[in-house]
């Protein structure tokens, strides 16, 4: 299983609601298979704050659609520094005998934000043009 996660960075405002878009695909030997074969689909979102304290929200029975994004809203905690998105599901093998075990599938991705707030240093590069040509200034 592979999945893509998208969150608009501009919506990640503290104590506001943000939306994550999830688009999943399942492949068997490189051939696409319907996500409808997945069972027990769950989306887990873990936010970590500047002190390293994680908080987790889990959406059981998360609905996936073939060829479309699925959306889930979550509350952005105060002082968030990273978000980890984990999509998990089970699938029964095509050639499995009746009563055989389902296979656990997962896909995860982590996004960081506000890293500049974790450092006491503040600097930036600026490109300037003058009659003598281009110059780079380090300001901070």
N, C-alpha and C. Protein backbone atom coordinates (compact mmCIF):
# COMPACT_ATOMS: atom_id res chain seq x y z
N UNK A 1 0.86 -1.17 0.00
CA UNK A 1 0.00 0.00 0.00
C UNK A 1 0.90 1.22 0.00
N UNK A 2 0.52 2.19 -0.79
CA UNK A 2 1.20 3.47 -0.75
C UNK A 2 0.12 4.54 -0.54
N UNK A 3 0.56 5.66 0.02
CA UNK A 3 -0.40 6.74 0.28
C UNK A 3 0.31 8.08 0.19
N UNK A 4 -0.43 9.07 -0.19
CA UNK A 4 0.05 10.44 -0.18
C UNK A 4 -0.79 11.24 0.80
N UNK A 5 -0.12 12.09 1.57
CA UNK A 5 -0.80 12.93 2.55
C UNK A 5 -0.54 14.39 2.18
N UNK A 6 -1.57 15.21 2.26
CA UNK A 6 -1.40 16.64 1.98
C UNK A 6 -2.14 17.46 3.03
N UNK A 7 -1.41 18.40 3.60
CA UNK A 7 -1.99 19.38 4.53
C UNK A 7 -1.54 20.75 4.06
N UNK A 8 -2.48 21.66 3.88
CA UNK A 8 -2.14 23.03 3.51
C UNK A 8 -1.46 23.68 4.71
N UNK A 9 -0.19 24.05 4.55
CA UNK A 9 0.58 24.63 5.67
C UNK A 9 -0.09 25.88 6.24
N UNK A 10 -0.78 26.62 5.39
CA UNK A 10 -1.45 27.84 5.85
C UNK A 10 -2.61 27.53 6.79
N UNK A 11 -3.10 26.30 6.80
CA UNK A 11 -4.21 25.94 7.68
C UNK A 11 -3.74 25.42 9.03
N UNK A 12 -2.43 25.27 9.21
CA UNK A 12 -1.90 24.75 10.47
C UNK A 12 -1.71 25.87 11.49
N UNK A 13 -2.82 26.44 11.90
CA UNK A 13 -2.82 27.52 12.88
C UNK A 13 -3.19 26.95 14.25
N UNK A 14 -2.49 27.38 15.27
CA UNK A 14 -2.70 26.80 16.61
C UNK A 14 -4.15 26.92 17.06
N UNK A 15 -4.62 25.82 17.61
CA UNK A 15 -5.97 25.68 18.17
C UNK A 15 -7.08 25.90 17.13
N UNK A 16 -6.73 25.72 15.85
CA UNK A 16 -7.71 25.79 14.76
C UNK A 16 -7.82 24.40 14.13
N UNK A 17 -8.84 24.20 13.33
CA UNK A 17 -9.03 22.92 12.65
C UNK A 17 -8.32 22.94 11.30
N UNK A 18 -7.63 21.86 10.99
CA UNK A 18 -6.94 21.70 9.71
C UNK A 18 -7.45 20.41 9.07
N UNK A 19 -7.22 20.28 7.77
CA UNK A 19 -7.71 19.11 7.05
C UNK A 19 -6.53 18.42 6.38
N UNK A 20 -6.45 17.11 6.55
CA UNK A 20 -5.46 16.31 5.83
C UNK A 20 -6.19 15.55 4.72
N UNK A 21 -5.59 15.56 3.53
CA UNK A 21 -6.12 14.79 2.41
C UNK A 21 -5.26 13.55 2.24
N UNK A 22 -5.91 12.41 2.08
CA UNK A 22 -5.21 11.13 1.96
C UNK A 22 -5.64 10.47 0.66
N UNK A 23 -4.65 10.05 -0.11
CA UNK A 23 -4.94 9.30 -1.34
C UNK A 23 -4.13 8.02 -1.28
N UNK A 24 -4.80 6.90 -1.23
CA UNK A 24 -4.14 5.61 -1.08
C UNK A 24 -4.28 4.77 -2.34
N UNK A 25 -3.33 3.86 -2.51
CA UNK A 25 -3.37 2.92 -3.62
C UNK A 25 -2.81 1.59 -3.14
N UNK A 26 -3.37 0.52 -3.66
CA UNK A 26 -2.91 -0.83 -3.32
C UNK A 26 -2.47 -1.50 -4.61
N UNK A 27 -1.32 -2.18 -4.53
CA UNK A 27 -0.76 -2.86 -5.70
C UNK A 27 -0.44 -4.31 -5.36
N UNK A 28 -0.71 -5.19 -6.29
CA UNK A 28 -0.31 -6.59 -6.18
C UNK A 28 0.56 -6.88 -7.38
N UNK A 29 1.84 -7.15 -7.13
CA UNK A 29 2.81 -7.39 -8.22
C UNK A 29 2.82 -6.24 -9.22
N UNK A 30 2.69 -5.02 -8.71
CA UNK A 30 2.73 -3.83 -9.55
C UNK A 30 1.42 -3.49 -10.25
N UNK A 31 0.39 -4.29 -10.04
CA UNK A 31 -0.90 -4.05 -10.67
C UNK A 31 -1.84 -3.41 -9.65
N UNK A 32 -2.48 -2.28 -9.99
CA UNK A 32 -3.38 -1.63 -9.03
C UNK A 32 -4.58 -2.51 -8.69
N UNK A 33 -4.95 -2.45 -7.41
CA UNK A 33 -6.10 -3.20 -6.88
C UNK A 33 -6.99 -2.20 -6.16
N UNK A 34 -8.28 -2.41 -6.15
CA UNK A 34 -9.22 -1.50 -5.50
C UNK A 34 -8.94 -1.39 -4.00
N UNK A 35 -9.02 -0.17 -3.48
CA UNK A 35 -8.86 0.02 -2.04
C UNK A 35 -10.05 -0.55 -1.28
N UNK A 36 -11.10 -0.92 -2.00
CA UNK A 36 -12.26 -1.56 -1.39
C UNK A 36 -11.92 -2.91 -0.78
N UNK A 37 -10.80 -3.51 -1.16
CA UNK A 37 -10.37 -4.79 -0.57
C UNK A 37 -9.78 -4.61 0.82
N UNK A 38 -9.49 -3.38 1.20
CA UNK A 38 -8.87 -3.12 2.51
C UNK A 38 -9.92 -3.23 3.62
N UNK A 39 -9.49 -3.77 4.73
CA UNK A 39 -10.34 -3.90 5.92
C UNK A 39 -9.67 -3.18 7.08
N UNK A 40 -10.48 -2.78 8.06
CA UNK A 40 -9.98 -2.14 9.29
C UNK A 40 -9.03 -0.98 8.97
N UNK A 41 -9.45 -0.11 8.07
CA UNK A 41 -8.63 1.04 7.69
C UNK A 41 -8.66 2.07 8.82
N UNK A 42 -7.48 2.55 9.19
CA UNK A 42 -7.39 3.55 10.27
C UNK A 42 -6.36 4.61 9.90
N UNK A 43 -6.65 5.84 10.25
CA UNK A 43 -5.73 6.96 10.08
C UNK A 43 -5.35 7.45 11.46
N UNK A 44 -4.06 7.55 11.72
CA UNK A 44 -3.58 8.03 13.01
C UNK A 44 -2.71 9.26 12.78
N UNK A 45 -3.04 10.34 13.49
CA UNK A 45 -2.29 11.59 13.38
C UNK A 45 -1.64 11.86 14.73
N UNK A 46 -0.31 12.00 14.71
CA UNK A 46 0.43 12.30 15.94
C UNK A 46 1.09 13.65 15.78
N UNK A 47 0.75 14.58 16.66
CA UNK A 47 1.36 15.90 16.68
C UNK A 47 2.34 15.95 17.84
N UNK A 48 3.53 16.50 17.59
CA UNK A 48 4.54 16.64 18.63
C UNK A 48 4.79 18.13 18.83
N UNK A 49 4.78 18.57 20.11
CA UNK A 49 4.97 19.99 20.38
C UNK A 49 6.44 20.31 20.61
N UNK A 50 6.75 21.57 20.95
CA UNK A 50 8.14 22.01 21.08
C UNK A 50 8.87 21.35 22.24
N UNK A 51 8.15 20.79 23.21
CA UNK A 51 8.79 20.07 24.31
C UNK A 51 8.98 18.60 23.99
N UNK A 52 8.50 18.16 22.83
CA UNK A 52 8.62 16.77 22.43
C UNK A 52 7.47 15.90 22.91
N UNK A 53 6.41 16.51 23.40
CA UNK A 53 5.25 15.78 23.90
C UNK A 53 4.31 15.44 22.74
N UNK A 54 4.05 14.15 22.52
CA UNK A 54 3.16 13.77 21.42
C UNK A 54 1.70 13.73 21.86
N UNK A 55 0.80 14.02 20.93
CA UNK A 55 -0.63 13.82 21.15
C UNK A 55 -1.16 13.16 19.88
N UNK A 56 -2.04 12.17 20.07
CA UNK A 56 -2.48 11.35 18.95
C UNK A 56 -3.99 11.36 18.81
N UNK A 57 -4.44 11.42 17.56
CA UNK A 57 -5.86 11.32 17.22
C UNK A 57 -5.97 10.18 16.22
N UNK A 58 -6.92 9.26 16.46
CA UNK A 58 -7.07 8.11 15.58
C UNK A 58 -8.48 8.09 14.99
N UNK A 59 -8.55 7.84 13.69
CA UNK A 59 -9.83 7.72 13.00
C UNK A 59 -9.96 6.27 12.54
N UNK A 60 -10.71 5.49 13.31
CA UNK A 60 -10.98 4.11 12.91
C UNK A 60 -12.03 4.11 11.81
N UNK A 61 -12.07 3.06 11.03
CA UNK A 61 -13.02 2.92 9.92
C UNK A 61 -12.93 4.10 8.94
N UNK A 62 -11.69 4.54 8.70
CA UNK A 62 -11.44 5.64 7.76
C UNK A 62 -11.80 5.16 6.35
N UNK A 63 -12.59 5.94 5.64
CA UNK A 63 -13.09 5.53 4.32
C UNK A 63 -12.14 6.01 3.23
N UNK A 64 -11.64 5.07 2.43
CA UNK A 64 -10.80 5.39 1.28
C UNK A 64 -11.59 5.17 0.00
N UNK A 65 -11.24 5.95 -1.03
CA UNK A 65 -11.93 5.84 -2.31
C UNK A 65 -10.90 5.63 -3.42
N UNK A 66 -11.25 4.83 -4.40
CA UNK A 66 -10.36 4.62 -5.54
C UNK A 66 -10.24 5.89 -6.36
N UNK A 67 -9.01 6.33 -6.60
CA UNK A 67 -8.78 7.48 -7.46
C UNK A 67 -9.21 8.82 -6.90
N UNK A 68 -9.52 8.89 -5.62
CA UNK A 68 -9.95 10.14 -4.99
C UNK A 68 -9.25 10.33 -3.66
N UNK A 69 -9.25 11.58 -3.19
CA UNK A 69 -8.72 11.87 -1.88
C UNK A 69 -9.82 11.69 -0.83
N UNK A 70 -9.41 11.26 0.34
CA UNK A 70 -10.31 11.21 1.49
C UNK A 70 -9.81 12.26 2.47
N UNK A 71 -10.73 12.94 3.14
CA UNK A 71 -10.35 14.04 4.02
C UNK A 71 -10.67 13.72 5.48
N UNK A 72 -9.85 14.30 6.37
CA UNK A 72 -10.09 14.16 7.80
C UNK A 72 -9.66 15.46 8.46
N UNK A 73 -10.54 16.02 9.31
CA UNK A 73 -10.22 17.25 10.03
C UNK A 73 -9.68 16.93 11.41
N UNK A 74 -8.73 17.75 11.86
CA UNK A 74 -8.13 17.57 13.18
C UNK A 74 -7.80 18.93 13.78
N UNK A 75 -7.68 18.97 15.09
CA UNK A 75 -7.35 20.19 15.81
C UNK A 75 -5.84 20.34 15.90
N UNK A 76 -5.32 21.50 15.51
CA UNK A 76 -3.88 21.76 15.58
C UNK A 76 -3.54 22.19 17.01
N UNK A 77 -2.67 21.43 17.70
CA UNK A 77 -2.33 21.79 19.07
C UNK A 77 -1.42 23.02 19.12
N UNK A 78 -1.34 23.61 20.29
CA UNK A 78 -0.48 24.76 20.53
C UNK A 78 0.99 24.34 20.41
N UNK A 79 1.82 25.17 19.80
CA UNK A 79 3.26 24.95 19.67
C UNK A 79 3.63 23.66 18.94
N UNK A 80 2.86 23.27 17.94
CA UNK A 80 3.15 22.05 17.18
C UNK A 80 4.45 22.23 16.39
N UNK A 81 5.27 21.17 16.37
CA UNK A 81 6.53 21.19 15.63
C UNK A 81 6.58 20.11 14.54
N UNK A 82 5.77 19.05 14.69
CA UNK A 82 5.73 18.02 13.65
C UNK A 82 4.40 17.29 13.69
N UNK A 83 4.05 16.75 12.54
CA UNK A 83 2.85 15.91 12.40
C UNK A 83 3.27 14.63 11.69
N UNK A 84 2.87 13.51 12.26
CA UNK A 84 3.09 12.21 11.63
C UNK A 84 1.73 11.63 11.27
N UNK A 85 1.61 11.20 10.03
CA UNK A 85 0.37 10.60 9.55
C UNK A 85 0.65 9.13 9.25
N UNK A 86 -0.16 8.24 9.80
CA UNK A 86 0.02 6.81 9.61
C UNK A 86 -1.32 6.21 9.16
N UNK A 87 -1.30 5.61 7.98
CA UNK A 87 -2.47 4.94 7.44
C UNK A 87 -2.22 3.44 7.55
N UNK A 88 -3.14 2.72 8.19
CA UNK A 88 -2.98 1.28 8.34
C UNK A 88 -4.26 0.57 7.89
N UNK A 89 -4.08 -0.65 7.43
CA UNK A 89 -5.22 -1.45 6.98
C UNK A 89 -4.79 -2.90 6.92
N UNK A 90 -5.78 -3.77 6.77
CA UNK A 90 -5.53 -5.20 6.58
C UNK A 90 -6.14 -5.61 5.26
N UNK A 91 -5.52 -6.59 4.64
CA UNK A 91 -6.03 -7.13 3.38
C UNK A 91 -5.82 -8.64 3.37
N UNK A 92 -6.83 -9.34 2.88
CA UNK A 92 -6.70 -10.79 2.75
C UNK A 92 -6.05 -11.11 1.41
N UNK A 93 -5.09 -12.01 1.40
CA UNK A 93 -4.44 -12.37 0.13
C UNK A 93 -5.44 -12.98 -0.84
N UNK A 94 -5.23 -12.72 -2.13
CA UNK A 94 -6.12 -13.26 -3.16
C UNK A 94 -6.14 -14.79 -3.14
N UNK A 95 -4.98 -15.40 -2.93
CA UNK A 95 -4.87 -16.85 -3.01
C UNK A 95 -4.96 -17.52 -1.65
N UNK A 96 -5.47 -16.79 -0.66
CA UNK A 96 -5.52 -17.34 0.69
C UNK A 96 -6.62 -18.39 0.83
N UNK A 97 -6.31 -19.36 1.66
CA UNK A 97 -7.30 -20.38 1.99
C UNK A 97 -8.31 -19.77 2.96
N UNK A 98 -9.53 -20.29 3.00
CA UNK A 98 -10.52 -19.78 3.94
C UNK A 98 -9.98 -19.84 5.38
N UNK A 99 -10.20 -18.76 6.12
CA UNK A 99 -9.75 -18.70 7.51
C UNK A 99 -8.30 -18.26 7.67
N UNK A 100 -7.62 -17.91 6.58
CA UNK A 100 -6.23 -17.48 6.69
C UNK A 100 -6.14 -16.05 7.23
N UNK A 101 -4.97 -15.71 7.74
CA UNK A 101 -4.74 -14.40 8.35
C UNK A 101 -4.67 -13.28 7.30
N UNK A 102 -5.18 -12.13 7.66
CA UNK A 102 -5.06 -10.95 6.81
C UNK A 102 -3.66 -10.35 7.00
N UNK A 103 -3.17 -9.66 5.99
CA UNK A 103 -1.85 -9.04 6.03
C UNK A 103 -2.02 -7.58 6.46
N UNK A 104 -1.19 -7.14 7.42
CA UNK A 104 -1.21 -5.76 7.89
C UNK A 104 -0.40 -4.88 6.95
N UNK A 105 -0.97 -3.77 6.49
CA UNK A 105 -0.30 -2.81 5.61
C UNK A 105 -0.27 -1.46 6.30
N UNK A 106 0.83 -0.72 6.14
CA UNK A 106 0.92 0.63 6.70
C UNK A 106 1.70 1.53 5.76
N UNK A 107 1.42 2.82 5.88
CA UNK A 107 2.20 3.84 5.19
C UNK A 107 2.21 5.07 6.08
N UNK A 108 3.40 5.66 6.28
CA UNK A 108 3.54 6.80 7.17
C UNK A 108 4.31 7.93 6.50
N UNK A 109 4.06 9.14 6.97
CA UNK A 109 4.80 10.30 6.51
C UNK A 109 4.80 11.35 7.63
N UNK A 110 5.93 12.04 7.78
CA UNK A 110 6.07 13.06 8.82
C UNK A 110 6.39 14.40 8.18
N UNK A 111 5.74 15.45 8.69
CA UNK A 111 5.98 16.82 8.26
C UNK A 111 6.45 17.62 9.47
N UNK A 112 7.45 18.46 9.27
CA UNK A 112 7.89 19.35 10.35
C UNK A 112 7.45 20.77 10.01
N UNK A 113 7.30 21.58 11.05
CA UNK A 113 6.94 22.97 10.85
C UNK A 113 7.48 23.80 12.00
N UNK A 114 7.60 25.09 11.76
CA UNK A 114 8.05 26.05 12.76
C UNK A 114 9.40 25.69 13.35
N UNK A 115 10.31 25.10 12.55
CA UNK A 115 11.64 24.75 13.04
C UNK A 115 12.43 25.98 13.49
N UNK A 116 12.14 27.12 12.89
CA UNK A 116 12.87 28.33 13.24
C UNK A 116 12.63 28.72 14.70
N UNK A 117 11.47 28.34 15.26
CA UNK A 117 11.17 28.66 16.65
C UNK A 117 11.97 27.79 17.62
N UNK A 118 12.62 26.75 17.14
CA UNK A 118 13.39 25.85 18.00
C UNK A 118 14.82 26.32 18.18
N UNK A 119 15.22 27.38 17.51
CA UNK A 119 16.60 27.85 17.55
C UNK A 119 16.65 29.30 18.02
N UNK A 120 17.68 29.64 18.80
CA UNK A 120 17.83 31.04 19.20
C UNK A 120 18.42 31.90 18.08
N UNK A 121 18.93 31.25 17.02
CA UNK A 121 19.53 31.97 15.91
C UNK A 121 18.48 32.33 14.88
N UNK A 122 18.64 33.50 14.32
CA UNK A 122 17.72 33.95 13.29
C UNK A 122 18.55 34.62 12.21
N UNK A 123 18.64 33.97 11.05
CA UNK A 123 19.40 34.55 9.95
C UNK A 123 18.77 34.14 8.64
N UNK A 124 19.09 34.93 7.60
CA UNK A 124 18.53 34.63 6.29
C UNK A 124 19.46 35.19 5.23
N UNK A 125 19.44 34.58 4.07
CA UNK A 125 20.23 35.05 2.93
C UNK A 125 19.35 35.92 2.05
N UNK A 126 19.92 37.04 1.60
CA UNK A 126 19.20 37.94 0.71
C UNK A 126 20.08 38.24 -0.50
N UNK A 127 19.52 38.12 -1.68
CA UNK A 127 20.22 38.41 -2.93
C UNK A 127 19.89 39.84 -3.32
N UNK A 128 20.95 40.63 -3.55
CA UNK A 128 20.76 42.03 -3.92
C UNK A 128 21.52 42.32 -5.21
N UNK A 129 20.97 43.24 -5.98
CA UNK A 129 21.60 43.64 -7.24
C UNK A 129 21.95 45.11 -7.16
N UNK A 130 23.16 45.43 -7.58
CA UNK A 130 23.59 46.83 -7.66
C UNK A 130 24.31 47.03 -8.99
N UNK A 131 24.83 48.25 -9.20
CA UNK A 131 25.55 48.49 -10.45
C UNK A 131 26.83 47.68 -10.55
N UNK A 132 27.29 47.10 -9.44
CA UNK A 132 28.50 46.27 -9.44
C UNK A 132 28.18 44.78 -9.60
N UNK A 133 26.91 44.45 -9.72
CA UNK A 133 26.51 43.06 -9.90
C UNK A 133 25.68 42.55 -8.73
N UNK A 134 25.57 41.23 -8.65
CA UNK A 134 24.79 40.60 -7.59
C UNK A 134 25.64 40.38 -6.34
N UNK A 135 24.99 40.47 -5.18
CA UNK A 135 25.65 40.20 -3.90
C UNK A 135 24.70 39.43 -3.02
N UNK A 136 25.27 38.59 -2.17
CA UNK A 136 24.48 37.86 -1.17
C UNK A 136 24.80 38.47 0.19
N UNK A 137 23.73 38.84 0.92
CA UNK A 137 23.87 39.39 2.26
C UNK A 137 23.31 38.38 3.26
N UNK A 138 24.06 38.13 4.32
CA UNK A 138 23.57 37.29 5.40
C UNK A 138 23.11 38.24 6.50
N UNK A 139 21.81 38.23 6.76
CA UNK A 139 21.24 39.13 7.77
C UNK A 139 20.65 38.32 8.91
N UNK A 140 20.80 38.84 10.09
CA UNK A 140 20.22 38.15 11.23
C UNK A 140 20.89 38.52 12.51
